[in-house]
Amino acid sequence: MRLGNLLAGTCHRIPERCIPLPWGTSGLCARCTAFWAGMALAAALIRSPLRSIPFPVRVAMILPMVADGSMQLAGLYESTLLLRTSTGILAGAGVSLLLLDAADLVLKGRDEARRQRGPDLRPGG
């Protein structure tokens, strides 16, 4: 599968909504580009104070992108490149932090199950 086909399945890629670069237009719209950048940034800062952001705030980080995208889809207004980028990066960071929370819960549950089972006495276990 070509990368272009994969991107087309996840983003509308409308050229007017993409980030202009010196070598051409980006392969994703500004919102999607910023979303993935926000996810990567939050994941890279896993040991930073970002990890102490409360759960409701993490969920709320996604809401501006949902509101902006929904109002634009409804035809209420045309979002700007700056607004798409800022809401995308905020939502990407929020989703990344929520995914890290989910991973923590899975790992804690696995560790708790191991503690309840007791030590594994099999060779190599």
N, C-alpha and C. Protein backbone atom coordinates (compact mmCIF):
# COMPACT_ATOMS: atom_id res chain seq x y z
N MET A 1 0.85 -1.19 0.00
CA MET A 1 0.00 0.00 0.00
C MET A 1 0.89 1.24 0.00
N ARG A 2 0.56 2.16 -0.85
CA ARG A 2 1.30 3.41 -0.90
C ARG A 2 0.90 4.31 0.27
N LEU A 3 1.86 5.13 0.72
CA LEU A 3 1.60 6.05 1.82
C LEU A 3 0.47 7.01 1.46
N GLY A 4 0.41 7.46 0.24
CA GLY A 4 -0.66 8.37 -0.20
C GLY A 4 -2.04 7.76 -0.02
N ASN A 5 -2.17 6.46 -0.31
CA ASN A 5 -3.46 5.78 -0.13
C ASN A 5 -3.83 5.70 1.34
N LEU A 6 -2.84 5.43 2.19
CA LEU A 6 -3.09 5.36 3.63
C LEU A 6 -3.53 6.73 4.15
N LEU A 7 -2.84 7.77 3.74
CA LEU A 7 -3.19 9.12 4.19
C LEU A 7 -4.58 9.52 3.72
N ALA A 8 -4.93 9.12 2.51
CA ALA A 8 -6.25 9.46 1.97
C ALA A 8 -7.36 8.81 2.79
N GLY A 9 -7.07 7.69 3.42
CA GLY A 9 -8.07 7.01 4.24
C GLY A 9 -8.25 7.62 5.62
N THR A 10 -7.32 8.48 6.03
CA THR A 10 -7.40 9.06 7.37
C THR A 10 -7.59 10.57 7.37
N CYS A 11 -7.46 11.21 6.22
CA CYS A 11 -7.51 12.67 6.16
C CYS A 11 -8.08 13.10 4.81
N HIS A 12 -8.85 14.17 4.78
CA HIS A 12 -9.44 14.65 3.52
C HIS A 12 -8.37 15.21 2.58
N ARG A 13 -7.29 15.74 3.12
CA ARG A 13 -6.16 16.25 2.35
C ARG A 13 -6.55 17.33 1.34
N ILE A 14 -7.51 18.16 1.68
CA ILE A 14 -7.90 19.28 0.81
C ILE A 14 -6.72 20.26 0.76
N PRO A 15 -6.17 20.53 -0.41
CA PRO A 15 -4.95 21.35 -0.50
C PRO A 15 -5.05 22.70 0.21
N GLU A 16 -6.21 23.35 0.16
CA GLU A 16 -6.35 24.67 0.81
C GLU A 16 -6.26 24.56 2.33
N ARG A 17 -6.46 23.38 2.87
CA ARG A 17 -6.42 23.19 4.32
C ARG A 17 -5.13 22.52 4.78
N CYS A 18 -4.21 22.31 3.85
CA CYS A 18 -2.93 21.69 4.16
C CYS A 18 -1.88 22.77 4.45
N ILE A 19 -0.82 22.39 5.11
CA ILE A 19 0.24 23.33 5.45
C ILE A 19 1.15 23.52 4.24
N PRO A 20 1.29 24.78 3.79
CA PRO A 20 2.20 25.03 2.67
C PRO A 20 3.66 24.91 3.14
N LEU A 21 4.44 24.15 2.41
CA LEU A 21 5.85 23.96 2.72
C LEU A 21 6.68 24.46 1.55
N PRO A 22 7.96 24.76 1.77
CA PRO A 22 8.79 25.26 0.66
C PRO A 22 8.84 24.30 -0.54
N TRP A 23 8.70 23.02 -0.31
CA TRP A 23 8.80 22.03 -1.39
C TRP A 23 7.43 21.56 -1.89
N GLY A 24 6.36 22.09 -1.34
CA GLY A 24 5.01 21.73 -1.78
C GLY A 24 4.06 21.69 -0.60
N THR A 25 2.91 21.13 -0.82
CA THR A 25 1.88 21.06 0.21
C THR A 25 2.08 19.79 1.04
N SER A 26 1.82 19.89 2.32
CA SER A 26 1.95 18.72 3.20
C SER A 26 0.96 17.63 2.78
N GLY A 27 1.26 16.40 3.14
CA GLY A 27 0.42 15.27 2.76
C GLY A 27 -0.84 15.13 3.58
N LEU A 28 -0.92 15.84 4.68
CA LEU A 28 -2.10 15.83 5.54
C LEU A 28 -2.59 17.25 5.73
N CYS A 29 -3.85 17.40 6.12
CA CYS A 29 -4.35 18.75 6.42
C CYS A 29 -3.66 19.25 7.69
N ALA A 30 -3.79 20.54 7.94
CA ALA A 30 -3.14 21.15 9.10
C ALA A 30 -3.60 20.50 10.40
N ARG A 31 -4.89 20.20 10.52
CA ARG A 31 -5.42 19.62 11.75
C ARG A 31 -4.82 18.23 12.00
N CYS A 32 -4.78 17.40 10.97
CA CYS A 32 -4.24 16.05 11.12
C CYS A 32 -2.74 16.08 11.38
N THR A 33 -2.02 16.94 10.67
CA THR A 33 -0.58 17.08 10.89
C THR A 33 -0.31 17.46 12.34
N ALA A 34 -1.03 18.46 12.83
CA ALA A 34 -0.85 18.92 14.21
C ALA A 34 -1.29 17.86 15.21
N PHE A 35 -2.35 17.12 14.90
CA PHE A 35 -2.83 16.06 15.79
C PHE A 35 -1.73 15.03 16.01
N TRP A 36 -1.14 14.54 14.91
CA TRP A 36 -0.08 13.53 15.04
C TRP A 36 1.16 14.10 15.70
N ALA A 37 1.46 15.36 15.44
CA ALA A 37 2.60 16.01 16.11
C ALA A 37 2.33 16.13 17.61
N GLY A 38 1.10 16.49 17.98
CA GLY A 38 0.74 16.58 19.40
C GLY A 38 0.82 15.23 20.10
N MET A 39 0.39 14.18 19.41
CA MET A 39 0.50 12.84 19.99
C MET A 39 1.97 12.48 20.22
N ALA A 40 2.80 12.73 19.23
CA ALA A 40 4.22 12.41 19.36
C ALA A 40 4.88 13.23 20.46
N LEU A 41 4.55 14.51 20.52
CA LEU A 41 5.13 15.39 21.53
C LEU A 41 4.76 14.95 22.94
N ALA A 42 3.49 14.67 23.17
CA ALA A 42 3.05 14.24 24.51
C ALA A 42 3.68 12.90 24.88
N ALA A 43 3.78 11.99 23.93
CA ALA A 43 4.40 10.69 24.21
C ALA A 43 5.88 10.86 24.52
N ALA A 44 6.54 11.78 23.82
CA ALA A 44 7.97 12.02 24.06
C ALA A 44 8.21 12.65 25.43
N LEU A 45 7.24 13.39 25.91
CA LEU A 45 7.37 14.06 27.21
C LEU A 45 6.73 13.25 28.33
N ILE A 46 6.79 11.95 28.22
CA ILE A 46 6.10 11.05 29.16
C ILE A 46 6.52 11.28 30.61
N ARG A 47 7.71 11.69 30.84
CA ARG A 47 8.19 11.90 32.20
C ARG A 47 8.10 13.36 32.65
N SER A 48 7.41 14.18 31.88
CA SER A 48 7.30 15.60 32.18
C SER A 48 6.08 15.88 33.06
N PRO A 49 5.90 17.13 33.48
CA PRO A 49 4.70 17.50 34.25
C PRO A 49 3.40 17.26 33.49
N LEU A 50 3.44 17.05 32.17
CA LEU A 50 2.23 16.73 31.43
C LEU A 50 1.51 15.53 32.02
N ARG A 51 2.27 14.59 32.57
CA ARG A 51 1.68 13.37 33.12
C ARG A 51 0.79 13.66 34.33
N SER A 52 0.95 14.83 34.94
CA SER A 52 0.13 15.14 36.12
C SER A 52 -1.17 15.87 35.76
N ILE A 53 -1.41 16.09 34.48
CA ILE A 53 -2.65 16.74 34.06
C ILE A 53 -3.82 15.82 34.41
N PRO A 54 -4.83 16.31 35.14
CA PRO A 54 -5.95 15.46 35.54
C PRO A 54 -6.73 14.91 34.34
N PHE A 55 -7.36 13.76 34.56
CA PHE A 55 -8.11 13.07 33.52
C PHE A 55 -9.15 13.97 32.84
N PRO A 56 -9.98 14.72 33.59
CA PRO A 56 -10.99 15.56 32.92
C PRO A 56 -10.37 16.62 32.01
N VAL A 57 -9.20 17.11 32.37
CA VAL A 57 -8.52 18.11 31.53
C VAL A 57 -8.02 17.44 30.25
N ARG A 58 -7.54 16.22 30.37
CA ARG A 58 -7.08 15.48 29.19
C ARG A 58 -8.22 15.29 28.20
N VAL A 59 -9.40 14.95 28.72
CA VAL A 59 -10.57 14.80 27.85
C VAL A 59 -10.95 16.16 27.25
N ALA A 60 -10.90 17.19 28.08
CA ALA A 60 -11.27 18.54 27.61
C ALA A 60 -10.31 19.05 26.53
N MET A 61 -9.10 18.55 26.49
CA MET A 61 -8.13 18.96 25.47
C MET A 61 -8.61 18.58 24.07
N ILE A 62 -9.45 17.59 23.97
CA ILE A 62 -9.94 17.11 22.68
C ILE A 62 -11.13 17.94 22.18
N LEU A 63 -11.87 18.51 23.10
CA LEU A 63 -13.12 19.20 22.76
C LEU A 63 -12.99 20.38 21.80
N PRO A 64 -11.94 21.23 21.89
CA PRO A 64 -11.85 22.33 20.92
C PRO A 64 -11.75 21.84 19.47
N MET A 65 -11.04 20.73 19.22
CA MET A 65 -10.95 20.21 17.87
C MET A 65 -12.30 19.67 17.41
N VAL A 66 -12.99 18.98 18.31
CA VAL A 66 -14.31 18.46 17.97
C VAL A 66 -15.27 19.61 17.66
N ALA A 67 -15.24 20.66 18.48
CA ALA A 67 -16.12 21.81 18.26
C ALA A 67 -15.77 22.53 16.95
N ASP A 68 -14.49 22.78 16.73
CA ASP A 68 -14.07 23.48 15.52
C ASP A 68 -14.44 22.68 14.27
N GLY A 69 -14.12 21.41 14.27
CA GLY A 69 -14.43 20.56 13.12
C GLY A 69 -15.93 20.42 12.89
N SER A 70 -16.68 20.29 13.97
CA SER A 70 -18.14 20.14 13.84
C SER A 70 -18.80 21.41 13.32
N MET A 71 -18.38 22.55 13.85
CA MET A 71 -18.97 23.82 13.38
C MET A 71 -18.60 24.09 11.93
N GLN A 72 -17.40 23.73 11.54
CA GLN A 72 -17.00 23.91 10.15
C GLN A 72 -17.79 22.96 9.25
N LEU A 73 -17.94 21.71 9.68
CA LEU A 73 -18.70 20.74 8.91
C LEU A 73 -20.16 21.18 8.74
N ALA A 74 -20.71 21.79 9.79
CA ALA A 74 -22.10 22.26 9.74
C ALA A 74 -22.25 23.52 8.88
N GLY A 75 -21.13 24.07 8.43
CA GLY A 75 -21.19 25.26 7.58
C GLY A 75 -21.35 26.56 8.34
N LEU A 76 -21.09 26.54 9.65
CA LEU A 76 -21.25 27.76 10.44
C LEU A 76 -20.14 28.77 10.17
N TYR A 77 -18.95 28.29 9.83
CA TYR A 77 -17.84 29.16 9.48
C TYR A 77 -16.73 28.33 8.87
N GLU A 78 -15.75 29.01 8.30
CA GLU A 78 -14.57 28.34 7.73
C GLU A 78 -13.43 28.52 8.72
N SER A 79 -12.93 27.45 9.26
CA SER A 79 -11.84 27.49 10.22
C SER A 79 -10.56 27.97 9.55
N THR A 80 -9.68 28.56 10.33
CA THR A 80 -8.41 29.06 9.79
C THR A 80 -7.31 28.02 9.98
N LEU A 81 -6.22 28.19 9.27
CA LEU A 81 -5.07 27.29 9.38
C LEU A 81 -4.53 27.29 10.82
N LEU A 82 -4.46 28.47 11.43
CA LEU A 82 -3.96 28.58 12.80
C LEU A 82 -4.89 27.85 13.78
N LEU A 83 -6.19 28.01 13.62
CA LEU A 83 -7.14 27.35 14.51
C LEU A 83 -7.11 25.84 14.33
N ARG A 84 -7.03 25.38 13.09
CA ARG A 84 -6.95 23.94 12.84
C ARG A 84 -5.69 23.35 13.46
N THR A 85 -4.58 24.08 13.31
CA THR A 85 -3.31 23.60 13.84
C THR A 85 -3.32 23.57 15.36
N SER A 86 -3.80 24.64 15.99
CA SER A 86 -3.77 24.70 17.45
C SER A 86 -4.74 23.69 18.08
N THR A 87 -5.92 23.53 17.50
CA THR A 87 -6.85 22.54 18.07
C THR A 87 -6.36 21.12 17.81
N GLY A 88 -5.69 20.91 16.68
CA GLY A 88 -5.15 19.59 16.36
C GLY A 88 -4.05 19.17 17.32
N ILE A 89 -3.12 20.08 17.60
CA ILE A 89 -2.01 19.72 18.49
C ILE A 89 -2.50 19.49 19.92
N LEU A 90 -3.47 20.29 20.34
CA LEU A 90 -4.04 20.12 21.67
C LEU A 90 -4.76 18.78 21.79
N ALA A 91 -5.56 18.44 20.79
CA ALA A 91 -6.29 17.17 20.81
C ALA A 91 -5.32 15.98 20.71
N GLY A 92 -4.31 16.10 19.88
CA GLY A 92 -3.33 15.02 19.76
C GLY A 92 -2.63 14.75 21.08
N ALA A 93 -2.26 15.82 21.79
CA ALA A 93 -1.63 15.65 23.10
C ALA A 93 -2.61 15.01 24.08
N GLY A 94 -3.88 15.45 24.06
CA GLY A 94 -4.88 14.87 24.95
C GLY A 94 -5.10 13.40 24.69
N VAL A 95 -5.21 13.02 23.44
CA VAL A 95 -5.42 11.61 23.08
C VAL A 95 -4.21 10.79 23.49
N SER A 96 -3.02 11.31 23.26
CA SER A 96 -1.81 10.59 23.63
C SER A 96 -1.76 10.35 25.14
N LEU A 97 -2.10 11.37 25.92
CA LEU A 97 -2.11 11.22 27.38
C LEU A 97 -3.16 10.22 27.83
N LEU A 98 -4.31 10.21 27.18
CA LEU A 98 -5.35 9.23 27.51
C LEU A 98 -4.89 7.81 27.16
N LEU A 99 -4.21 7.66 26.03
CA LEU A 99 -3.68 6.34 25.66
C LEU A 99 -2.61 5.88 26.64
N LEU A 100 -1.79 6.81 27.12
CA LEU A 100 -0.79 6.45 28.12
C LEU A 100 -1.47 6.03 29.43
N ASP A 101 -2.57 6.70 29.79
CA ASP A 101 -3.35 6.29 30.97
C ASP A 101 -3.87 4.87 30.79
N ALA A 102 -4.41 4.58 29.61
CA ALA A 102 -4.95 3.25 29.34
C ALA A 102 -3.85 2.20 29.43
N ALA A 103 -2.69 2.50 28.90
CA ALA A 103 -1.57 1.56 28.97
C ALA A 103 -1.16 1.34 30.42
N ASP A 104 -1.14 2.39 31.21
CA ASP A 104 -0.82 2.26 32.64
C ASP A 104 -1.81 1.34 33.34
N LEU A 105 -3.10 1.52 33.04
CA LEU A 105 -4.12 0.67 33.67
C LEU A 105 -3.94 -0.80 33.30
N VAL A 106 -3.66 -1.05 32.03
CA VAL A 106 -3.45 -2.43 31.58
C VAL A 106 -2.25 -3.04 32.28
N LEU A 107 -1.16 -2.29 32.36
CA LEU A 107 0.05 -2.82 32.99
C LEU A 107 -0.14 -3.01 34.49
N LYS A 108 -0.84 -2.09 35.14
CA LYS A 108 -1.10 -2.24 36.58
C LYS A 108 -1.99 -3.45 36.83
N GLY A 109 -2.99 -3.65 35.97
CA GLY A 109 -3.86 -4.81 36.11
C GLY A 109 -3.09 -6.10 35.92
N ARG A 110 -2.19 -6.13 34.96
CA ARG A 110 -1.37 -7.32 34.73
C ARG A 110 -0.47 -7.59 35.93
N ASP A 111 0.14 -6.53 36.47
CA ASP A 111 1.01 -6.69 37.63
C ASP A 111 0.23 -7.16 38.85
N GLU A 112 -0.98 -6.63 39.04
CA GLU A 112 -1.82 -7.05 40.17
C GLU A 112 -2.22 -8.51 40.03
N ALA A 113 -2.57 -8.93 38.84
CA ALA A 113 -2.93 -10.33 38.60
C ALA A 113 -1.75 -11.25 38.90
N ARG A 114 -0.57 -10.83 38.54
CA ARG A 114 0.63 -11.63 38.84
C ARG A 114 0.85 -11.72 40.35
N ARG A 115 0.66 -10.61 41.05
CA ARG A 115 0.84 -10.63 42.52
C ARG A 115 -0.16 -11.57 43.17
N GLN A 116 -1.40 -11.57 42.69
CA GLN A 116 -2.43 -12.42 43.28
C GLN A 116 -2.18 -13.89 43.00
N ARG A 117 -1.60 -14.21 41.85
CA ARG A 117 -1.29 -15.60 41.50
C ARG A 117 -0.13 -16.13 42.32
N GLY A 118 0.75 -15.26 42.73
CA GLY A 118 1.93 -15.69 43.45
C GLY A 118 3.08 -15.92 42.48
N PRO A 119 4.22 -16.34 43.02
CA PRO A 119 5.38 -16.52 42.17
C PRO A 119 5.20 -17.68 41.19
N ASP A 120 5.74 -17.52 40.02
CA ASP A 120 5.72 -18.56 38.98
C ASP A 120 6.96 -19.42 39.21
N LEU A 121 6.74 -20.66 39.62
CA LEU A 121 7.87 -21.54 39.98
C LEU A 121 8.35 -22.38 38.82
N ARG A 122 7.72 -22.23 37.65
CA ARG A 122 8.19 -23.00 36.50
C ARG A 122 9.54 -22.48 36.03
N PRO A 123 10.37 -23.35 35.46
CA PRO A 123 11.66 -22.88 34.93
C PRO A 123 11.44 -21.85 33.84
N GLY A 124 12.14 -20.75 33.92
CA GLY A 124 12.01 -19.68 32.92
C GLY A 124 10.82 -18.80 33.15
N GLY A 125 10.01 -19.03 34.17
CA GLY A 125 8.79 -18.26 34.40
C GLY A 125 8.97 -17.29 35.44
